[in-house]
């Protein structure tokens, strides 16, 4: 995973401003563990990234290493319970946006505030909402994409090949149930770390 390849995977306006040391360490850790990142992030002003399948706590670790290695300006949404005292600064440095599941409307306002300050931005969402198997995915990413006028980009994690795939742009149909069906069908081509949880 060379620096040239990584830099070519992210448009200039969607890159973060992390140090070379941080990027080098993340790339080295991904490479040492056998994981690679395939594909390129499209040259769009704003993107909502749908990341799946989410079947293990390791997904988060691999995801964070990917964000740091790509030096991508990705803000990700996580449940507020992981933003514990003493670690809040660290998770926010990584791009975390805490969401209170009892007050999801506050997330929309927070996202709108962040988007208004950023020229190029990506927001990462795991629509399963849990690493456990769920029947219905959360649909907040569709609303976030709509209100922020963002394109939806599909990221997948494939454990057998140890590949993080930057996939294709998904164009919503304006039918929520149909959108969920199409997206879930797309991810059936990939296997998470614990495939029985998908």
Protein backbone atom coordinates (compact mmCIF):
# COMPACT_ATOMS: atom_id res chain seq x y z
CA UNK A 1 0.00 0.00 0.00
CA UNK A 2 2.19 2.80 -1.28
CA UNK A 3 1.74 6.46 -0.49
CA UNK A 4 1.11 7.22 -4.19
CA UNK A 5 -1.74 4.69 -4.39
CA UNK A 6 -3.34 5.98 -1.19
CA UNK A 7 -3.16 9.62 -2.28
CA UNK A 8 -4.76 8.78 -5.62
CA UNK A 9 -7.71 7.15 -3.82
CA UNK A 10 -8.96 10.37 -2.22
CA UNK A 11 -9.74 13.66 -4.04
CA UNK A 12 -7.73 16.59 -2.69
CA UNK A 13 -10.72 18.47 -1.23
CA UNK A 14 -11.83 15.35 0.70
CA UNK A 15 -8.50 14.81 2.43
CA UNK A 16 -7.93 15.52 6.11
CA UNK A 17 -4.96 17.34 7.60
CA UNK A 18 -3.38 14.54 9.60
CA UNK A 19 0.35 14.21 10.15
CA UNK A 20 2.55 12.04 7.98
CA UNK A 21 3.45 9.99 11.05
CA UNK A 22 -0.22 9.19 11.75
CA UNK A 23 -0.80 8.19 8.14
CA UNK A 24 2.35 6.06 8.02
CA UNK A 25 1.49 4.18 11.21
CA UNK A 26 -2.07 3.47 10.04
CA UNK A 27 -0.87 2.25 6.65
CA UNK A 28 1.77 0.04 8.27
CA UNK A 29 -0.76 -1.49 10.67
CA UNK A 30 -3.24 -2.23 7.87
CA UNK A 31 -0.52 -3.76 5.74
CA UNK A 32 0.90 -5.84 8.60
CA UNK A 33 -2.54 -7.28 9.35
CA UNK A 34 -3.06 -8.19 5.69
CA UNK A 35 -5.85 -5.70 4.95
CA UNK A 36 -5.96 -3.54 1.83
CA UNK A 37 -8.18 -0.76 0.50
CA UNK A 38 -9.46 -1.09 -3.08
CA UNK A 39 -11.16 1.48 -5.27
CA UNK A 40 -11.23 5.27 -5.17
CA UNK A 41 -13.47 7.85 -3.55
CA UNK A 42 -15.34 9.75 -6.29
CA UNK A 43 -14.77 13.44 -6.81
CA UNK A 44 -17.94 14.70 -5.15
CA UNK A 45 -18.39 17.65 -2.80
CA UNK A 46 -20.11 15.65 -0.06
CA UNK A 47 -20.66 11.96 0.52
CA UNK A 48 -22.57 9.82 2.98
CA UNK A 49 -20.67 6.56 3.31
CA UNK A 50 -22.66 3.42 4.08
CA UNK A 51 -20.31 0.85 5.66
CA UNK A 52 -21.28 -2.82 5.95
CA UNK A 53 -21.40 -5.65 6.85
CA UNK A 54 -20.89 -4.68 10.49
CA UNK A 55 -20.46 -7.96 12.36
CA UNK A 56 -17.55 -7.48 14.78
CA UNK A 57 -15.89 -4.98 17.10
CA UNK A 58 -12.85 -5.31 14.82
CA UNK A 59 -14.80 -3.51 12.09
CA UNK A 60 -14.37 -0.26 13.99
CA UNK A 61 -10.61 -0.77 14.39
CA UNK A 62 -10.18 -1.58 10.70
CA UNK A 63 -12.43 1.33 9.77
CA UNK A 64 -10.42 3.82 11.82
CA UNK A 65 -7.13 2.56 10.37
CA UNK A 66 -8.63 2.94 6.90
CA UNK A 67 -9.72 6.53 7.57
CA UNK A 68 -6.29 7.44 8.94
CA UNK A 69 -4.40 5.60 6.19
CA UNK A 70 -6.42 7.30 3.45
CA UNK A 71 -6.09 10.64 5.25
CA UNK A 72 -9.78 11.06 4.41
CA UNK A 73 -11.97 13.75 5.94
CA UNK A 74 -14.58 11.29 7.20
CA UNK A 75 -16.80 12.00 10.18
CA UNK A 76 -18.49 8.87 11.50
CA UNK A 77 -21.60 8.38 13.57
CA UNK A 78 -21.37 6.26 16.72
CA UNK A 79 -23.59 5.56 19.70
CA UNK A 80 -23.01 8.05 22.51
CA UNK A 81 -22.19 5.30 25.03
CA UNK A 82 -18.73 4.76 23.49
CA UNK A 83 -17.82 8.42 24.03
CA UNK A 84 -16.81 7.83 27.63
CA UNK A 85 -15.25 10.41 29.92
CA UNK A 86 -11.53 10.61 29.26
CA UNK A 87 -11.87 9.28 25.71
CA UNK A 88 -14.27 11.83 24.22
CA UNK A 89 -11.44 13.95 22.81
CA UNK A 90 -9.84 10.88 21.19
CA UNK A 91 -13.01 9.69 19.46
CA UNK A 92 -13.77 13.21 18.24
CA UNK A 93 -10.19 13.51 16.94
CA UNK A 94 -10.87 10.35 14.97
CA UNK A 95 -13.95 12.03 13.50
CA UNK A 96 -16.64 10.64 15.78
CA UNK A 97 -20.10 12.20 16.07
CA UNK A 98 -22.01 10.82 19.08
CA UNK A 99 -25.69 10.02 18.60
CA UNK A 100 -28.22 9.70 21.40
CA UNK A 101 -30.56 6.95 20.27
CA UNK A 102 -33.28 8.43 22.49
CA UNK A 103 -33.03 11.75 20.64
CA UNK A 104 -32.03 11.00 17.02
CA UNK A 105 -33.31 14.36 15.77
CA UNK A 106 -30.41 16.07 17.52
CA UNK A 107 -28.05 14.17 15.21
CA UNK A 108 -29.55 15.80 12.12
CA UNK A 109 -28.96 19.27 13.55
CA UNK A 110 -25.39 18.35 14.50
CA UNK A 111 -24.68 17.01 11.02
CA UNK A 112 -26.15 20.12 9.37
CA UNK A 113 -23.90 22.28 11.57
CA UNK A 114 -20.78 20.28 10.63
CA UNK A 115 -21.61 20.32 6.92
CA UNK A 116 -22.09 24.09 6.95
CA UNK A 117 -18.47 24.52 8.10
CA UNK A 118 -16.80 22.05 5.75
CA UNK A 119 -16.17 22.48 2.03
CA UNK A 120 -15.54 18.78 1.42
CA UNK A 121 -16.81 16.18 3.83
CA UNK A 122 -17.76 12.54 4.15
CA UNK A 123 -20.04 11.13 6.85
CA UNK A 124 -19.76 7.44 7.65
CA UNK A 125 -22.74 5.39 8.85
CA UNK A 126 -23.20 1.72 9.72
CA UNK A 127 -26.93 1.31 8.99
CA UNK A 128 -27.16 -1.98 10.85
CA UNK A 129 -26.67 0.07 14.02
CA UNK A 130 -25.17 -2.93 15.80
CA UNK A 131 -22.64 -5.68 15.19
CA UNK A 132 -25.43 -8.15 16.02
CA UNK A 133 -27.72 -9.50 13.33
CA UNK A 134 -30.70 -7.18 12.75
CA UNK A 135 -33.71 -7.60 10.49
CA UNK A 136 -34.20 -3.92 9.68
CA UNK A 137 -31.45 -1.42 9.01
CA UNK A 138 -31.67 2.16 10.22
CA UNK A 139 -32.68 4.64 7.54
CA UNK A 140 -31.12 7.81 8.93
CA UNK A 141 -28.40 7.80 6.28
CA UNK A 142 -31.01 8.40 3.59
CA UNK A 143 -32.30 11.48 5.41
CA UNK A 144 -28.80 12.76 6.12
CA UNK A 145 -27.91 12.42 2.43
CA UNK A 146 -31.05 14.28 1.44
CA UNK A 147 -30.73 17.22 3.82
CA UNK A 148 -27.00 17.67 3.17
CA UNK A 149 -27.35 17.16 -0.59
CA UNK A 150 -24.78 14.36 -0.44
CA UNK A 151 -24.23 11.39 -2.71
CA UNK A 152 -24.38 7.94 -1.08
CA UNK A 153 -21.21 5.86 -1.41
CA UNK A 154 -21.08 2.16 -0.52
CA UNK A 155 -18.06 0.86 1.44
CA UNK A 156 -17.78 -2.86 2.14
CA UNK A 157 -15.64 -5.01 4.38
CA UNK A 158 -14.83 -8.47 3.04
CA UNK A 159 -13.13 -10.69 5.59
CA UNK A 160 -12.16 -13.66 3.35
CA UNK A 161 -10.12 -11.39 1.05
CA UNK A 162 -9.23 -8.88 3.80
CA UNK A 163 -10.37 -6.11 1.51
CA UNK A 164 -12.02 -2.79 2.22
CA UNK A 165 -13.82 -2.01 -1.02
CA UNK A 166 -14.68 1.56 -1.96
CA UNK A 167 -17.71 0.74 -4.05
CA UNK A 168 -20.23 2.58 -6.14
CA UNK A 169 -22.53 5.56 -5.76
CA UNK A 170 -26.05 4.53 -4.83
CA UNK A 171 -28.88 6.61 -6.25
CA UNK A 172 -31.98 6.54 -3.98
CA UNK A 173 -35.32 5.64 -5.54
CA UNK A 174 -37.35 7.83 -3.12
CA UNK A 175 -38.84 4.58 -1.80
CA UNK A 176 -37.19 3.82 1.55
CA UNK A 177 -38.07 0.14 1.62
CA UNK A 178 -36.83 -0.39 -1.92
CA UNK A 179 -33.61 1.49 -1.16
CA UNK A 180 -32.93 -0.72 1.85
CA UNK A 181 -33.62 -3.85 -0.18
CA UNK A 182 -31.27 -2.80 -2.97
CA UNK A 183 -28.47 -1.85 -0.59
CA UNK A 184 -28.78 -5.02 1.48
CA UNK A 185 -28.68 -7.09 -1.70
CA UNK A 186 -25.47 -5.30 -2.71
CA UNK A 187 -23.79 -6.28 0.54
CA UNK A 188 -24.71 -9.95 0.16
CA UNK A 189 -21.63 -10.17 -2.07
CA UNK A 190 -19.38 -9.53 0.93
CA UNK A 191 -18.69 -11.45 4.14
CA UNK A 192 -17.97 -9.75 7.45
CA UNK A 193 -15.62 -11.03 10.12
CA UNK A 194 -18.54 -12.88 11.76
CA UNK A 195 -20.75 -13.67 8.74
CA UNK A 196 -23.42 -15.38 10.86
CA UNK A 197 -24.26 -11.94 12.29
CA UNK A 198 -25.23 -10.51 8.89
